[in-house]
Every structure is written in structure tokens, then in C-alpha cells.
Amino acid sequence: MSPLFSVTDSTSLLAAISRALPGLDGVIAAAAADAITADAANPAPVRQLVAHWQQAHPEAGPHYWGSRSWTLLVWQPVYLAVLAVQLAGCLPRLSGMAQRQHGGFVAGFALPDAGLQRGSEAALIASAGAQLQALSQPLLALVNQQVKLHPKMAGRLLADCLLAALLHAQRCDARLDNARLLALAPQWLAALAQPDASALMTVALDDGRHKLALERKVCCQHFRRCDGELCSSCPKLKPAARLALLKQELSHDAVTA
């Protein structure tokens, strides 16, 4: 299958990715001094991110502060890797990624001008998984300097993010049908060294269609906030309640799309 986007260099790739997911905005540039990087010698930006959520929701506690900060730190590299491979058939170098934060959120990034890796889909997935592991491990160590986040929980949240990115790729390219995504998911999870950390489930809608949804194996802890609640895909929900919420959510998405 030919890529949805035809890109010639890193700049055109980042432009295509931004079109596929507005808000995932990257540039080819050197890291700013206050950017979030996986550099143990510069822990201040991650410390500021964790402190924001500690101050914004003191009632939520360390489980929430850690998981919230962690998911914010990894969403951009994960979505960039998945969308680049699945929509553009290439992969930028993720090492050296410098992320911007503002108001407690992480959005926008800079990458070094290191060209694009091309090759078979399987080779790109394997490389992306290895690069995401190499990037996420020092970021987790930086989070753990501020608040303890268990590696198993971090791995499952990372896996959830990856499969959510695959679901977004499907929304961008209808050629990625359910069967294709169900085949890709275990390949990506294996490359990430998280083979059993998350999964996709098939939800049968009342109109006869079948949609895919996350089958999470860990709670994101959002319910601990004073304004929080359990997500529709939360494993804390009983299976019947989770299925009912997912059917409602996916049916609404289909109507408003």
C-alpha cells in the first residue's frame, strides 16, 4: 500500500503530520534552553511540568501527577513515530527531540536535521519502537526524580498512547481497516517491548458497523481529580459498563464525523 503522504524531507514530513493531527507541530531546529529533553543534566523542565500538576490538582495525589506528566511527555514522540510510519512510510530520528511546554501542557517540538529513515514497514516499526524505548526511559527517570511512577504503569500508559495513535492513523487513512489495525497493533507493541500492555477491542454498533477502541489495562488516574471521572475505556469499569459507554461514544463520533 502506498503512503497517504508523499514526503521528500523532514520539513515536508512535519508539515504533513501537522495536517494529520493539528497541534502536533514540529520544526527542524536546535533545542531551546527551556525545552523538555531526555537529558539528565537538564531536569528543570520536567520538574516544572510535574510541579504544575501538583499545584493545579493537589487533591489528585502522586498517582495522578505522575501519570499525567508522563502521558504529556510521551504523546508527541509516539504520535509522530506512528503517523510517520503508517501515513508517510518513513521515520525521523527521535533522539534529540526537544518539546515545548506552556501552561502545564506539552505541545510543539524541535528535531535535529538528521534526515528520514526509509525501508519496509516492518523495519520502520522495529526502529520506531527501539527509538521510543530509548527516548522514554530517561524521560521516566526524570519524572521519577519528582514523583514515583511504577515502570509497569508507565509502560502500559505508553502502550495505550501508541494504540491511540494507530486509531488516529485509521481515521486519517480509511485504507487502514480494522483487520489491518488488529494486525499492526501487536507488531507495534512488540517493537515497544510492551507486548501485553494494551490492546484493541472491536465494538459492534447498533447500525451493524464494527469500530475499534482501546482495551486499556491501566487507569490514567483522571478520576482522582475533583472534576475527574472514569474514561469510557477505563479498566476500572465493569466490562458491560465499559462496552455501553464505548458504543455511545463511537456512535456519536460516527454521526458527527
C-alpha atoms as a PDB file:
ATOM      1  CA  MET A   1       0.000   0.000   0.000  1.00  0.00           C
ATOM      2  CA  SER A   2       1.429   3.373  -0.997  1.00  0.00           C
ATOM      3  CA  PRO A   3       1.757   6.002   1.761  1.00  0.00           C
ATOM      4  CA  LEU A   4      -1.036   8.517   2.200  1.00  0.00           C
ATOM      5  CA  PHE A   5       1.551  11.323   2.257  1.00  0.00           C
ATOM      6  CA  SER A   6       4.449  11.636  -0.163  1.00  0.00           C
ATOM      7  CA  VAL A   7       7.266  13.492   1.595  1.00  0.00           C
ATOM      8  CA  THR A   8      10.742  14.361   0.408  1.00  0.00           C
ATOM      9  CA  ASP A   9      12.471  15.538   3.582  1.00  0.00           C
ATOM     10  CA  SER A  10      11.984  16.129   7.295  1.00  0.00           C
ATOM     11  CA  THR A  11      10.355  19.525   6.816  1.00  0.00           C
ATOM     12  CA  SER A  12       7.697  18.198   4.451  1.00  0.00           C
ATOM     13  CA  LEU A  13       7.085  15.254   6.792  1.00  0.00           C
ATOM     14  CA  LEU A  14       6.456  17.543   9.761  1.00  0.00           C
ATOM     15  CA  ALA A  15       4.081  19.649   7.672  1.00  0.00           C
ATOM     16  CA  ALA A  16       2.136  16.529   6.657  1.00  0.00           C
ATOM     17  CA  ILE A  17       1.991  15.293  10.256  1.00  0.00           C
ATOM     18  CA  SER A  18       0.657  18.655  11.407  1.00  0.00           C
ATOM     19  CA  ARG A  19      -2.128  18.383   8.834  1.00  0.00           C
ATOM     20  CA  ALA A  20      -2.960  14.881  10.027  1.00  0.00           C
ATOM     21  CA  LEU A  21      -3.063  15.990  13.658  1.00  0.00           C
ATOM     22  CA  PRO A  22      -3.306  19.741  14.260  1.00  0.00           C
ATOM     23  CA  GLY A  23      -1.363  20.590  17.396  1.00  0.00           C
ATOM     24  CA  LEU A  24       1.429  18.143  16.667  1.00  0.00           C
ATOM     25  CA  ASP A  25       3.604  20.911  15.304  1.00  0.00           C
ATOM     26  CA  GLY A  26       7.301  20.336  14.776  1.00  0.00           C
ATOM     27  CA  VAL A  27      10.216  22.230  13.290  1.00  0.00           C
ATOM     28  CA  ILE A  28      13.756  21.329  12.324  1.00  0.00           C
ATOM     29  CA  ALA A  29      15.817  23.372  14.762  1.00  0.00           C
ATOM     30  CA  ALA A  30      18.149  23.205  17.714  1.00  0.00           C
ATOM     31  CA  ALA A  31      16.698  22.651  21.174  1.00  0.00           C
ATOM     32  CA  ALA A  32      15.775  25.761  23.140  1.00  0.00           C
ATOM     33  CA  ALA A  33      17.348  26.110  26.578  1.00  0.00           C
ATOM     34  CA  ASP A  34      13.991  25.657  28.345  1.00  0.00           C
ATOM     35  CA  ALA A  35      12.795  22.743  26.210  1.00  0.00           C
ATOM     36  CA  ILE A  36      11.997  19.309  27.592  1.00  0.00           C
ATOM     37  CA  THR A  37      14.628  16.805  26.516  1.00  0.00           C
ATOM     38  CA  ALA A  38      15.717  13.371  27.692  1.00  0.00           C
ATOM     39  CA  ASP A  39      18.860  14.960  29.138  1.00  0.00           C
ATOM     40  CA  ALA A  40      19.553  14.007  32.745  1.00  0.00           C
ATOM     41  CA  ALA A  41      21.728  17.114  33.058  1.00  0.00           C
ATOM     42  CA  ASN A  42      18.682  19.339  32.470  1.00  0.00           C
ATOM     43  CA  PRO A  43      15.886  18.129  34.793  1.00  0.00           C
ATOM     44  CA  ALA A  44      14.299  21.556  35.359  1.00  0.00           C
ATOM     45  CA  PRO A  45      11.686  21.458  32.537  1.00  0.00           C
ATOM     46  CA  VAL A  46      10.279  18.095  33.686  1.00  0.00           C
ATOM     47  CA  ARG A  47      10.348  19.310  37.280  1.00  0.00           C
ATOM     48  CA  GLN A  48       8.301  22.339  36.243  1.00  0.00           C
ATOM     49  CA  LEU A  49       5.788  20.146  34.409  1.00  0.00           C
ATOM     50  CA  VAL A  50       5.221  17.882  37.407  1.00  0.00           C
ATOM     51  CA  ALA A  51       5.021  20.890  39.736  1.00  0.00           C
ATOM     52  CA  HIS A  52       2.303  22.421  37.576  1.00  0.00           C
ATOM     53  CA  TRP A  53       0.018  19.413  38.041  1.00  0.00           C
ATOM     54  CA  GLN A  54       0.843  19.139  41.740  1.00  0.00           C
ATOM     55  CA  GLN A  55      -0.268  22.741  42.180  1.00  0.00           C
ATOM     56  CA  ALA A  56      -3.235  22.569  39.784  1.00  0.00           C
ATOM     57  CA  HIS A  57      -4.713  19.438  41.417  1.00  0.00           C
ATOM     58  CA  PRO A  58      -3.225  18.869  44.868  1.00  0.00           C
ATOM     59  CA  GLU A  59      -6.214  16.689  45.742  1.00  0.00           C
ATOM     60  CA  ALA A  60      -5.412  14.175  42.993  1.00  0.00           C
ATOM     61  CA  GLY A  61      -2.230  12.843  44.595  1.00  0.00           C
ATOM     62  CA  PRO A  62       1.013  11.372  43.273  1.00  0.00           C
ATOM     63  CA  HIS A  63      -0.554   8.630  41.120  1.00  0.00           C
ATOM     64  CA  TYR A  64      -2.307  11.299  39.052  1.00  0.00           C
ATOM     65  CA  TRP A  65       0.613  13.750  38.997  1.00  0.00           C
ATOM     66  CA  GLY A  66       2.955  11.059  37.709  1.00  0.00           C
ATOM     67  CA  SER A  67       0.650   9.546  35.093  1.00  0.00           C
ATOM     68  CA  ARG A  68      -0.499  12.937  33.810  1.00  0.00           C
ATOM     69  CA  SER A  69       3.044  14.254  33.436  1.00  0.00           C
ATOM     70  CA  TRP A  70       4.196  11.026  31.835  1.00  0.00           C
ATOM     71  CA  THR A  71       1.479  10.901  29.180  1.00  0.00           C
ATOM     72  CA  LEU A  72       2.162  14.534  28.305  1.00  0.00           C
ATOM     73  CA  LEU A  73       5.856  13.768  27.870  1.00  0.00           C
ATOM     74  CA  VAL A  74       5.407  10.791  25.550  1.00  0.00           C
ATOM     75  CA  TRP A  75       2.398  11.641  23.387  1.00  0.00           C
ATOM     76  CA  GLN A  76       4.293  13.701  20.806  1.00  0.00           C
ATOM     77  CA  PRO A  77       7.123  11.249  20.068  1.00  0.00           C
ATOM     78  CA  VAL A  78       4.646   8.353  19.967  1.00  0.00           C
ATOM     79  CA  TYR A  79       2.171  10.017  17.618  1.00  0.00           C
ATOM     80  CA  LEU A  80       4.986  11.365  15.451  1.00  0.00           C
ATOM     81  CA  ALA A  81       6.531   7.909  15.071  1.00  0.00           C
ATOM     82  CA  VAL A  82       3.254   6.090  14.385  1.00  0.00           C
ATOM     83  CA  LEU A  83       1.868   8.656  11.939  1.00  0.00           C
ATOM     84  CA  ALA A  84       5.192   8.982  10.110  1.00  0.00           C
ATOM     85  CA  VAL A  85       5.470   5.239   9.578  1.00  0.00           C
ATOM     86  CA  GLN A  86       1.820   4.486   8.813  1.00  0.00           C
ATOM     87  CA  LEU A  87       0.902   7.573   6.789  1.00  0.00           C
ATOM     88  CA  ALA A  88       4.208   8.610   5.210  1.00  0.00           C
ATOM     89  CA  GLY A  89       6.254   5.409   5.066  1.00  0.00           C
ATOM     90  CA  CYS A  90       9.295   6.915   6.772  1.00  0.00           C
ATOM     91  CA  LEU A  91      10.670   7.784  10.192  1.00  0.00           C
ATOM     92  CA  PRO A  92      12.554  10.818  11.537  1.00  0.00           C
ATOM     93  CA  ARG A  93      15.240  10.442  14.174  1.00  0.00           C
ATOM     94  CA  LEU A  94      13.578  10.854  17.565  1.00  0.00           C
ATOM     95  CA  SER A  95      16.727  11.212  19.642  1.00  0.00           C
ATOM     96  CA  GLY A  96      17.386  14.858  20.373  1.00  0.00           C
ATOM     97  CA  MET A  97      13.679  15.688  20.317  1.00  0.00           C
ATOM     98  CA  ALA A  98      13.044  18.902  22.261  1.00  0.00           C
ATOM     99  CA  GLN A  99       9.475  19.538  23.396  1.00  0.00           C
ATOM    100  CA  ARG A 100       7.785  22.791  24.349  1.00  0.00           C
ATOM    101  CA  GLN A 101       5.597  23.197  27.400  1.00  0.00           C
ATOM    102  CA  HIS A 102       3.257  26.004  28.327  1.00  0.00           C
ATOM    103  CA  GLY A 103       0.564  26.159  30.963  1.00  0.00           C
ATOM    104  CA  GLY A 104       1.207  22.588  32.071  1.00  0.00           C
ATOM    105  CA  PHE A 105       0.747  21.167  28.570  1.00  0.00           C
ATOM    106  CA  VAL A 106       3.348  19.808  26.190  1.00  0.00           C
ATOM    107  CA  ALA A 107       2.788  20.750  22.561  1.00  0.00           C
ATOM    108  CA  GLY A 108       5.235  21.600  19.794  1.00  0.00           C
ATOM    109  CA  PHE A 109       8.714  20.220  19.314  1.00  0.00           C
ATOM    110  CA  ALA A 110      12.012  20.607  17.524  1.00  0.00           C
ATOM    111  CA  LEU A 111      14.038  17.875  15.851  1.00  0.00           C
ATOM    112  CA  PRO A 112      17.640  17.861  14.622  1.00  0.00           C
ATOM    113  CA  ASP A 113      18.066  17.752  10.858  1.00  0.00           C
ATOM    114  CA  ALA A 114      19.035  14.108  10.628  1.00  0.00           C
ATOM    115  CA  GLY A 115      17.134  13.043   7.521  1.00  0.00           C
ATOM    116  CA  LEU A 116      14.499  10.344   7.208  1.00  0.00           C
ATOM    117  CA  GLN A 117      14.783   6.602   7.570  1.00  0.00           C
ATOM    118  CA  ARG A 118      13.055   4.615   4.850  1.00  0.00           C
ATOM    119  CA  GLY A 119      12.524   0.905   4.388  1.00  0.00           C
ATOM    120  CA  SER A 120       9.936  -1.798   4.810  1.00  0.00           C
ATOM    121  CA  GLU A 121       7.034  -1.223   7.177  1.00  0.00           C
ATOM    122  CA  ALA A 122       8.325  -3.962   9.485  1.00  0.00           C
ATOM    123  CA  ALA A 123      11.801  -2.398   9.634  1.00  0.00           C
ATOM    124  CA  LEU A 124      10.380   1.059  10.327  1.00  0.00           C
ATOM    125  CA  ILE A 125       8.132  -0.248  13.101  1.00  0.00           C
ATOM    126  CA  ALA A 126      11.072  -2.039  14.714  1.00  0.00           C
ATOM    127  CA  SER A 127      13.217   1.092  14.511  1.00  0.00           C
ATOM    128  CA  ALA A 128      10.430   3.306  15.842  1.00  0.00           C
ATOM    129  CA  GLY A 129       9.884   1.003  18.809  1.00  0.00           C
ATOM    130  CA  ALA A 130      13.583   0.958  19.644  1.00  0.00           C
ATOM    131  CA  GLN A 131      13.815   4.750  19.395  1.00  0.00           C
ATOM    132  CA  LEU A 132      10.726   5.256  21.563  1.00  0.00           C
ATOM    133  CA  GLN A 133      12.202   2.968  24.203  1.00  0.00           C
ATOM    134  CA  ALA A 134      15.500   4.858  24.124  1.00  0.00           C
ATOM    135  CA  LEU A 135      13.699   8.199  24.453  1.00  0.00           C
ATOM    136  CA  SER A 136      11.141   7.200  27.060  1.00  0.00           C
ATOM    137  CA  GLN A 137      13.476   5.538  29.547  1.00  0.00           C
ATOM    138  CA  PRO A 138      15.409   8.705  30.503  1.00  0.00           C
ATOM    139  CA  LEU A 139      12.166  10.719  30.485  1.00  0.00           C
ATOM    140  CA  LEU A 140      10.700   8.266  33.008  1.00  0.00           C
ATOM    141  CA  ALA A 141      13.819   8.633  35.142  1.00  0.00           C
ATOM    142  CA  LEU A 142      13.301  12.418  35.129  1.00  0.00           C
ATOM    143  CA  VAL A 143       9.663  12.004  36.196  1.00  0.00           C
ATOM    144  CA  ASN A 144      10.720   9.651  38.976  1.00  0.00           C
ATOM    145  CA  GLN A 145      13.031  12.305  40.379  1.00  0.00           C
ATOM    146  CA  GLN A 146       9.881  14.281  41.201  1.00  0.00           C
ATOM    147  CA  VAL A 147       7.153  11.679  41.792  1.00  0.00           C
ATOM    148  CA  LYS A 148       7.297   7.903  41.684  1.00  0.00           C
ATOM    149  CA  LEU A 149       5.660   6.223  38.701  1.00  0.00           C
ATOM    150  CA  HIS A 150       5.914   2.428  38.564  1.00  0.00           C
ATOM    151  CA  PRO A 151       7.617   1.182  35.367  1.00  0.00           C
ATOM    152  CA  LYS A 152       4.757  -1.248  34.662  1.00  0.00           C
ATOM    153  CA  MET A 153       2.190   1.536  34.853  1.00  0.00           C
ATOM    154  CA  ALA A 154       4.372   3.789  32.694  1.00  0.00           C
ATOM    155  CA  GLY A 155       4.739   1.024  30.109  1.00  0.00           C
ATOM    156  CA  ARG A 156       1.010   0.423  29.919  1.00  0.00           C
ATOM    157  CA  LEU A 157       0.262   4.131  29.560  1.00  0.00           C
ATOM    158  CA  LEU A 158       2.867   4.318  26.796  1.00  0.00           C
ATOM    159  CA  ALA A 159       1.271   1.341  25.041  1.00  0.00           C
ATOM    160  CA  ASP A 160      -2.186   2.936  25.315  1.00  0.00           C
ATOM    161  CA  CYS A 161      -0.817   6.087  23.708  1.00  0.00           C
ATOM    162  CA  LEU A 162       0.690   4.069  20.875  1.00  0.00           C
ATOM    163  CA  LEU A 163      -2.556   2.259  20.073  1.00  0.00           C
ATOM    164  CA  ALA A 164      -4.474   5.536  20.300  1.00  0.00           C
ATOM    165  CA  ALA A 165      -2.071   6.873  17.672  1.00  0.00           C
ATOM    166  CA  LEU A 166      -2.816   3.860  15.468  1.00  0.00           C
ATOM    167  CA  LEU A 167      -6.533   4.567  15.807  1.00  0.00           C
ATOM    168  CA  HIS A 168      -5.894   8.146  14.733  1.00  0.00           C
ATOM    169  CA  ALA A 169      -3.943   6.894  11.716  1.00  0.00           C
ATOM    170  CA  GLN A 170      -7.012   4.876  10.739  1.00  0.00           C
ATOM    171  CA  ARG A 171      -9.183   7.993  10.953  1.00  0.00           C
ATOM    172  CA  CYS A 172      -6.749   9.708   8.565  1.00  0.00           C
ATOM    173  CA  ASP A 173      -6.470   6.830   6.096  1.00  0.00           C
ATOM    174  CA  ALA A 174      -9.546   4.653   5.554  1.00  0.00           C
ATOM    175  CA  ARG A 175      -7.359   2.037   3.841  1.00  0.00           C
ATOM    176  CA  LEU A 176      -6.184   1.073   7.327  1.00  0.00           C
ATOM    177  CA  ASP A 177      -9.240  -1.058   8.008  1.00  0.00           C
ATOM    178  CA  ASN A 178      -9.973  -2.928  11.236  1.00  0.00           C
ATOM    179  CA  ALA A 179      -8.250  -6.125  10.130  1.00  0.00           C
ATOM    180  CA  ARG A 180      -5.111  -4.185   9.213  1.00  0.00           C
ATOM    181  CA  LEU A 181      -5.032  -2.344  12.536  1.00  0.00           C
ATOM    182  CA  LEU A 182      -5.580  -5.543  14.505  1.00  0.00           C
ATOM    183  CA  ALA A 183      -2.562  -6.994  12.703  1.00  0.00           C
ATOM    184  CA  LEU A 184      -0.415  -3.886  13.200  1.00  0.00           C
ATOM    185  CA  ALA A 185      -1.148  -3.422  16.913  1.00  0.00           C
ATOM    186  CA  PRO A 186       0.847  -6.439  18.178  1.00  0.00           C
ATOM    187  CA  GLN A 187       3.739  -5.556  15.857  1.00  0.00           C
ATOM    188  CA  TRP A 188       3.985  -2.074  17.316  1.00  0.00           C
ATOM    189  CA  LEU A 189       3.591  -3.288  20.910  1.00  0.00           C
ATOM    190  CA  ALA A 190       6.302  -5.902  20.420  1.00  0.00           C
ATOM    191  CA  ALA A 191       8.639  -3.259  18.976  1.00  0.00           C
ATOM    192  CA  LEU A 192       7.978  -1.161  22.061  1.00  0.00           C
ATOM    193  CA  ALA A 193       8.757  -4.177  24.292  1.00  0.00           C
ATOM    194  CA  GLN A 194       5.222  -3.923  25.711  1.00  0.00           C
ATOM    195  CA  PRO A 195       3.531  -6.925  24.042  1.00  0.00           C
ATOM    196  CA  ASP A 196       0.725  -7.360  26.574  1.00  0.00           C
ATOM    197  CA  ALA A 197       0.439  -3.814  27.910  1.00  0.00           C
ATOM    198  CA  SER A 198      -2.592  -2.733  25.863  1.00  0.00           C
ATOM    199  CA  ALA A 199      -4.927  -3.995  23.160  1.00  0.00           C
ATOM    200  CA  LEU A 200      -7.628  -3.065  20.681  1.00  0.00           C
ATOM    201  CA  MET A 201     -11.184  -4.302  21.036  1.00  0.00           C
ATOM    202  CA  THR A 202     -13.959  -4.500  18.461  1.00  0.00           C
ATOM    203  CA  VAL A 203     -17.204  -2.741  19.353  1.00  0.00           C
ATOM    204  CA  ALA A 204     -20.359  -3.670  17.443  1.00  0.00           C
ATOM    205  CA  LEU A 205     -22.587  -0.629  16.939  1.00  0.00           C
ATOM    206  CA  ASP A 206     -26.359  -0.788  16.697  1.00  0.00           C
ATOM    207  CA  ASP A 207     -26.256   0.137  12.994  1.00  0.00           C
ATOM    208  CA  GLY A 208     -24.247  -3.001  12.212  1.00  0.00           C
ATOM    209  CA  ARG A 209     -20.824  -1.419  11.852  1.00  0.00           C
ATOM    210  CA  HIS A 210     -17.814  -2.501  13.867  1.00  0.00           C
ATOM    211  CA  LYS A 211     -15.421   0.054  15.331  1.00  0.00           C
ATOM    212  CA  LEU A 212     -12.131  -0.400  17.156  1.00  0.00           C
ATOM    213  CA  ALA A 213     -11.462   1.033  20.603  1.00  0.00           C
ATOM    214  CA  LEU A 214      -8.724   0.884  23.197  1.00  0.00           C
ATOM    215  CA  GLU A 215      -8.847  -2.015  25.609  1.00  0.00           C
ATOM    216  CA  ARG A 216      -6.800  -0.363  28.320  1.00  0.00           C
ATOM    217  CA  LYS A 217      -5.129  -2.367  31.057  1.00  0.00           C
ATOM    218  CA  VAL A 218      -4.293   0.550  33.319  1.00  0.00           C
ATOM    219  CA  CYS A 219      -6.209   3.564  34.606  1.00  0.00           C
ATOM    220  CA  CYS A 220      -4.907   7.009  33.672  1.00  0.00           C
ATOM    221  CA  GLN A 221      -5.911   8.250  37.172  1.00  0.00           C
ATOM    222  CA  HIS A 222      -8.007  11.153  35.853  1.00  0.00           C
ATOM    223  CA  PHE A 223     -10.809  10.140  38.215  1.00  0.00           C
ATOM    224  CA  ARG A 224      -8.693  11.302  41.175  1.00  0.00           C
ATOM    225  CA  ARG A 225      -9.209  14.959  40.233  1.00  0.00           C
ATOM    226  CA  CYS A 226     -12.023  16.879  41.886  1.00  0.00           C
ATOM    227  CA  ASP A 227     -13.540  17.305  38.410  1.00  0.00           C
ATOM    228  CA  GLY A 228     -12.499  13.853  37.179  1.00  0.00           C
ATOM    229  CA  GLU A 229     -14.334  10.707  36.199  1.00  0.00           C
ATOM    230  CA  LEU A 230     -13.578   7.285  34.745  1.00  0.00           C
ATOM    231  CA  CYS A 231     -12.895   7.311  30.999  1.00  0.00           C
ATOM    232  CA  SER A 232     -15.057   5.211  28.675  1.00  0.00           C
ATOM    233  CA  SER A 233     -12.183   2.760  28.149  1.00  0.00           C
ATOM    234  CA  CYS A 234     -11.101   2.599  31.805  1.00  0.00           C
ATOM    235  CA  PRO A 235     -10.329  -0.922  33.094  1.00  0.00           C
ATOM    236  CA  LYS A 236     -11.847   0.054  36.448  1.00  0.00           C
ATOM    237  CA  LEU A 237     -15.266  -0.125  34.778  1.00  0.00           C
ATOM    238  CA  LYS A 238     -17.090  -3.437  34.620  1.00  0.00           C
ATOM    239  CA  PRO A 239     -16.960  -4.854  31.070  1.00  0.00           C
ATOM    240  CA  ALA A 240     -20.657  -4.254  30.385  1.00  0.00           C
ATOM    241  CA  ALA A 241     -20.460  -0.632  31.542  1.00  0.00           C
ATOM    242  CA  ARG A 242     -17.327  -0.030  29.512  1.00  0.00           C
ATOM    243  CA  LEU A 243     -18.905  -1.514  26.390  1.00  0.00           C
ATOM    244  CA  ALA A 244     -22.041   0.610  26.799  1.00  0.00           C
ATOM    245  CA  LEU A 245     -20.010   3.805  27.139  1.00  0.00           C
ATOM    246  CA  LEU A 246     -17.812   2.939  24.169  1.00  0.00           C
ATOM    247  CA  LYS A 247     -20.836   2.180  21.985  1.00  0.00           C
ATOM    248  CA  GLN A 248     -22.350   5.524  22.904  1.00  0.00           C
ATOM    249  CA  GLU A 249     -19.095   7.379  22.274  1.00  0.00           C
ATOM    250  CA  LEU A 250     -18.292   5.666  18.972  1.00  0.00           C
ATOM    251  CA  SER A 251     -21.848   6.057  17.694  1.00  0.00           C
ATOM    252  CA  HIS A 252     -21.706   9.797  18.452  1.00  0.00           C
ATOM    253  CA  ASP A 253     -18.335  10.098  16.717  1.00  0.00           C
ATOM    254  CA  ALA A 254     -19.736   8.408  13.626  1.00  0.00           C
ATOM    255  CA  VAL A 255     -22.655  10.842  13.482  1.00  0.00           C
ATOM    256  CA  THR A 256     -20.542  13.990  13.943  1.00  0.00           C
ATOM    257  CA  ALA A 257     -17.608  12.953  11.736  1.00  0.00           C
END
